[in-house]
Amino acid sequence: MTTHDANPCLDCGACCAYFRISFYWSEAEANGLPPELTEKVNPWLSCMAGTSQRRPRCIALGGEIGQTVACTVYAQRPEACREVQAGDEKCERARLHHGLPPLNPLPQAA
């Protein structure tokens, strides 16, 4: 069994370098995220540092997109990160942006 078979996210990381990961400002503190890993978006929202850039990449992502990756704050990650599921619409959009094949390819017409 490859890493991809066990958890395709460990070979991907595309969502961590595609979306701005925004959340209510107090969620970071409640989850135990260090302040240096977040950025203020407005008085109510924060985001993971690096994700509000023109070319986003979460500061907590280690590794190379499409290779071997890991979230360095996985246990403390915000709800917005937890909501993305391997193979869902957000995942597939991020994978497409990075030139990665879909996890759930559409059946080919006969």
C-alpha atoms as a PDB file:
ATOM      1  CA  MET A   1       0.000   0.000   0.000  1.00  0.00           C
ATOM      2  CA  THR A   2       1.381   3.402  -0.955  1.00  0.00           C
ATOM      3  CA  THR A   3       0.987   6.548   1.091  1.00  0.00           C
ATOM      4  CA  HIS A   4      -1.549   7.737  -1.517  1.00  0.00           C
ATOM      5  CA  ASP A   5      -3.713   4.661  -0.909  1.00  0.00           C
ATOM      6  CA  ALA A   6      -3.695   5.255   2.859  1.00  0.00           C
ATOM      7  CA  ASN A   7      -4.287   9.024   2.675  1.00  0.00           C
ATOM      8  CA  PRO A   8      -4.086  10.804  -0.699  1.00  0.00           C
ATOM      9  CA  CYS A   9      -3.630  14.140   1.102  1.00  0.00           C
ATOM     10  CA  LEU A  10      -0.117  13.074   2.151  1.00  0.00           C
ATOM     11  CA  ASP A  11       0.911  13.021  -1.522  1.00  0.00           C
ATOM     12  CA  CYS A  12      -0.913  16.199  -2.531  1.00  0.00           C
ATOM     13  CA  GLY A  13      -1.165  19.441  -0.520  1.00  0.00           C
ATOM     14  CA  ALA A  14      -2.862  21.258  -3.419  1.00  0.00           C
ATOM     15  CA  CYS A  15      -5.642  22.718  -1.252  1.00  0.00           C
ATOM     16  CA  CYS A  16      -3.033  24.195   1.114  1.00  0.00           C
ATOM     17  CA  ALA A  17      -1.576  26.128  -1.821  1.00  0.00           C
ATOM     18  CA  TYR A  18      -4.801  27.185  -3.529  1.00  0.00           C
ATOM     19  CA  PHE A  19      -7.364  28.510  -1.044  1.00  0.00           C
ATOM     20  CA  ARG A  20      -7.246  31.309   1.506  1.00  0.00           C
ATOM     21  CA  ILE A  21      -7.860  29.497   4.779  1.00  0.00           C
ATOM     22  CA  SER A  22     -10.051  31.977   6.671  1.00  0.00           C
ATOM     23  CA  PHE A  23     -11.655  31.532  10.074  1.00  0.00           C
ATOM     24  CA  TYR A  24     -13.081  33.538  12.958  1.00  0.00           C
ATOM     25  CA  TRP A  25     -10.102  35.105  14.710  1.00  0.00           C
ATOM     26  CA  SER A  26     -10.581  33.332  18.054  1.00  0.00           C
ATOM     27  CA  GLU A  27     -10.523  29.862  16.471  1.00  0.00           C
ATOM     28  CA  ALA A  28      -6.729  30.037  16.161  1.00  0.00           C
ATOM     29  CA  GLU A  29      -6.305  30.690  19.878  1.00  0.00           C
ATOM     30  CA  ALA A  30      -8.889  28.046  20.797  1.00  0.00           C
ATOM     31  CA  ASN A  31      -7.047  25.483  18.628  1.00  0.00           C
ATOM     32  CA  GLY A  32      -3.644  26.431  20.028  1.00  0.00           C
ATOM     33  CA  LEU A  33      -2.256  27.817  16.749  1.00  0.00           C
ATOM     34  CA  PRO A  34       0.805  29.991  17.331  1.00  0.00           C
ATOM     35  CA  PRO A  35       0.031  33.641  16.428  1.00  0.00           C
ATOM     36  CA  GLU A  36       2.910  33.795  13.930  1.00  0.00           C
ATOM     37  CA  LEU A  37       1.092  31.222  11.768  1.00  0.00           C
ATOM     38  CA  THR A  38      -1.951  33.444  11.245  1.00  0.00           C
ATOM     39  CA  GLU A  39      -2.658  36.786   9.572  1.00  0.00           C
ATOM     40  CA  LYS A  40      -5.448  39.274  10.250  1.00  0.00           C
ATOM     41  CA  VAL A  41      -7.939  39.579   7.350  1.00  0.00           C
ATOM     42  CA  ASN A  42     -10.326  42.036   9.022  1.00  0.00           C
ATOM     43  CA  PRO A  43     -11.559  42.676  12.603  1.00  0.00           C
ATOM     44  CA  TRP A  44     -13.458  39.357  12.621  1.00  0.00           C
ATOM     45  CA  LEU A  45     -11.433  37.027  10.410  1.00  0.00           C
ATOM     46  CA  SER A  46      -7.929  35.655  10.370  1.00  0.00           C
ATOM     47  CA  CYS A  47      -6.315  33.287   7.893  1.00  0.00           C
ATOM     48  CA  MET A  48      -3.422  30.908   7.864  1.00  0.00           C
ATOM     49  CA  ALA A  49      -0.275  32.878   7.062  1.00  0.00           C
ATOM     50  CA  GLY A  50       0.638  32.695   3.410  1.00  0.00           C
ATOM     51  CA  THR A  51      -2.847  31.841   2.157  1.00  0.00           C
ATOM     52  CA  SER A  52      -3.976  35.379   1.340  1.00  0.00           C
ATOM     53  CA  GLN A  53      -1.144  35.900  -1.141  1.00  0.00           C
ATOM     54  CA  ARG A  54      -1.576  36.082  -4.918  1.00  0.00           C
ATOM     55  CA  ARG A  55       0.033  32.639  -5.057  1.00  0.00           C
ATOM     56  CA  PRO A  56      -1.193  31.126  -1.784  1.00  0.00           C
ATOM     57  CA  ARG A  57       0.699  28.554   0.215  1.00  0.00           C
ATOM     58  CA  CYS A  58       0.003  27.877   3.852  1.00  0.00           C
ATOM     59  CA  ILE A  59       3.016  28.497   6.049  1.00  0.00           C
ATOM     60  CA  ALA A  60       2.200  25.271   7.927  1.00  0.00           C
ATOM     61  CA  LEU A  61       2.549  23.086   4.813  1.00  0.00           C
ATOM     62  CA  GLY A  62       5.787  21.174   4.633  1.00  0.00           C
ATOM     63  CA  GLY A  63       6.996  19.377   1.520  1.00  0.00           C
ATOM     64  CA  GLU A  64       6.378  19.715  -2.200  1.00  0.00           C
ATOM     65  CA  ILE A  65       2.904  19.932  -3.778  1.00  0.00           C
ATOM     66  CA  GLY A  66       2.052  16.664  -5.534  1.00  0.00           C
ATOM     67  CA  GLN A  67       4.885  14.824  -3.803  1.00  0.00           C
ATOM     68  CA  THR A  68       5.161  14.150  -0.075  1.00  0.00           C
ATOM     69  CA  VAL A  69       3.549  16.831   2.107  1.00  0.00           C
ATOM     70  CA  ALA A  70       2.462  17.284   5.699  1.00  0.00           C
ATOM     71  CA  CYS A  71       0.657  19.877   7.753  1.00  0.00           C
ATOM     72  CA  THR A  72       2.961  20.886  10.578  1.00  0.00           C
ATOM     73  CA  VAL A  73      -0.022  21.926  12.744  1.00  0.00           C
ATOM     74  CA  TYR A  74      -2.458  19.189  11.730  1.00  0.00           C
ATOM     75  CA  ALA A  75      -4.023  18.767  15.180  1.00  0.00           C
ATOM     76  CA  GLN A  76      -4.514  22.542  15.527  1.00  0.00           C
ATOM     77  CA  ARG A  77      -5.664  23.244  11.940  1.00  0.00           C
ATOM     78  CA  PRO A  78      -8.777  25.412  11.538  1.00  0.00           C
ATOM     79  CA  GLU A  79     -12.221  24.120  10.631  1.00  0.00           C
ATOM     80  CA  ALA A  80     -11.833  25.457   7.075  1.00  0.00           C
ATOM     81  CA  CYS A  81      -9.002  22.941   6.590  1.00  0.00           C
ATOM     82  CA  ARG A  82     -10.985  20.113   8.165  1.00  0.00           C
ATOM     83  CA  GLU A  83     -13.903  20.734   5.793  1.00  0.00           C
ATOM     84  CA  VAL A  84     -11.953  19.915   2.625  1.00  0.00           C
ATOM     85  CA  GLN A  85     -12.156  16.180   1.996  1.00  0.00           C
ATOM     86  CA  ALA A  86     -10.047  14.106  -0.386  1.00  0.00           C
ATOM     87  CA  GLY A  87     -11.834  13.978  -3.723  1.00  0.00           C
ATOM     88  CA  ASP A  88     -14.501  16.605  -2.964  1.00  0.00           C
ATOM     89  CA  GLU A  89     -15.167  19.574  -5.269  1.00  0.00           C
ATOM     90  CA  LYS A  90     -12.682  21.861  -3.483  1.00  0.00           C
ATOM     91  CA  CYS A  91      -9.998  19.196  -3.520  1.00  0.00           C
ATOM     92  CA  GLU A  92     -10.471  18.464  -7.210  1.00  0.00           C
ATOM     93  CA  ARG A  93     -10.416  22.200  -8.104  1.00  0.00           C
ATOM     94  CA  ALA A  94      -7.124  22.675  -6.228  1.00  0.00           C
ATOM     95  CA  ARG A  95      -5.623  19.545  -7.794  1.00  0.00           C
ATOM     96  CA  LEU A  96      -6.583  20.740 -11.277  1.00  0.00           C
ATOM     97  CA  HIS A  97      -4.969  24.130 -10.602  1.00  0.00           C
ATOM     98  CA  HIS A  98      -1.692  22.386  -9.723  1.00  0.00           C
ATOM     99  CA  GLY A  99      -1.845  20.003 -12.703  1.00  0.00           C
ATOM    100  CA  LEU A 100      -2.561  16.933 -10.585  1.00  0.00           C
ATOM    101  CA  PRO A 101      -4.944  14.223 -11.803  1.00  0.00           C
ATOM    102  CA  PRO A 102      -8.385  14.003 -10.181  1.00  0.00           C
ATOM    103  CA  LEU A 103      -8.828  11.563  -7.317  1.00  0.00           C
ATOM    104  CA  ASN A 104     -12.294  10.654  -8.590  1.00  0.00           C
ATOM    105  CA  PRO A 105     -12.029  10.687 -12.387  1.00  0.00           C
ATOM    106  CA  LEU A 106     -15.295  10.886 -14.287  1.00  0.00           C
ATOM    107  CA  PRO A 107     -16.257   7.676 -16.115  1.00  0.00           C
ATOM    108  CA  GLN A 108     -15.334   7.741 -19.804  1.00  0.00           C
ATOM    109  CA  ALA A 109     -18.232   7.748 -22.269  1.00  0.00           C
ATOM    110  CA  ALA A 110     -18.407   4.646 -24.436  1.00  0.00           C
END
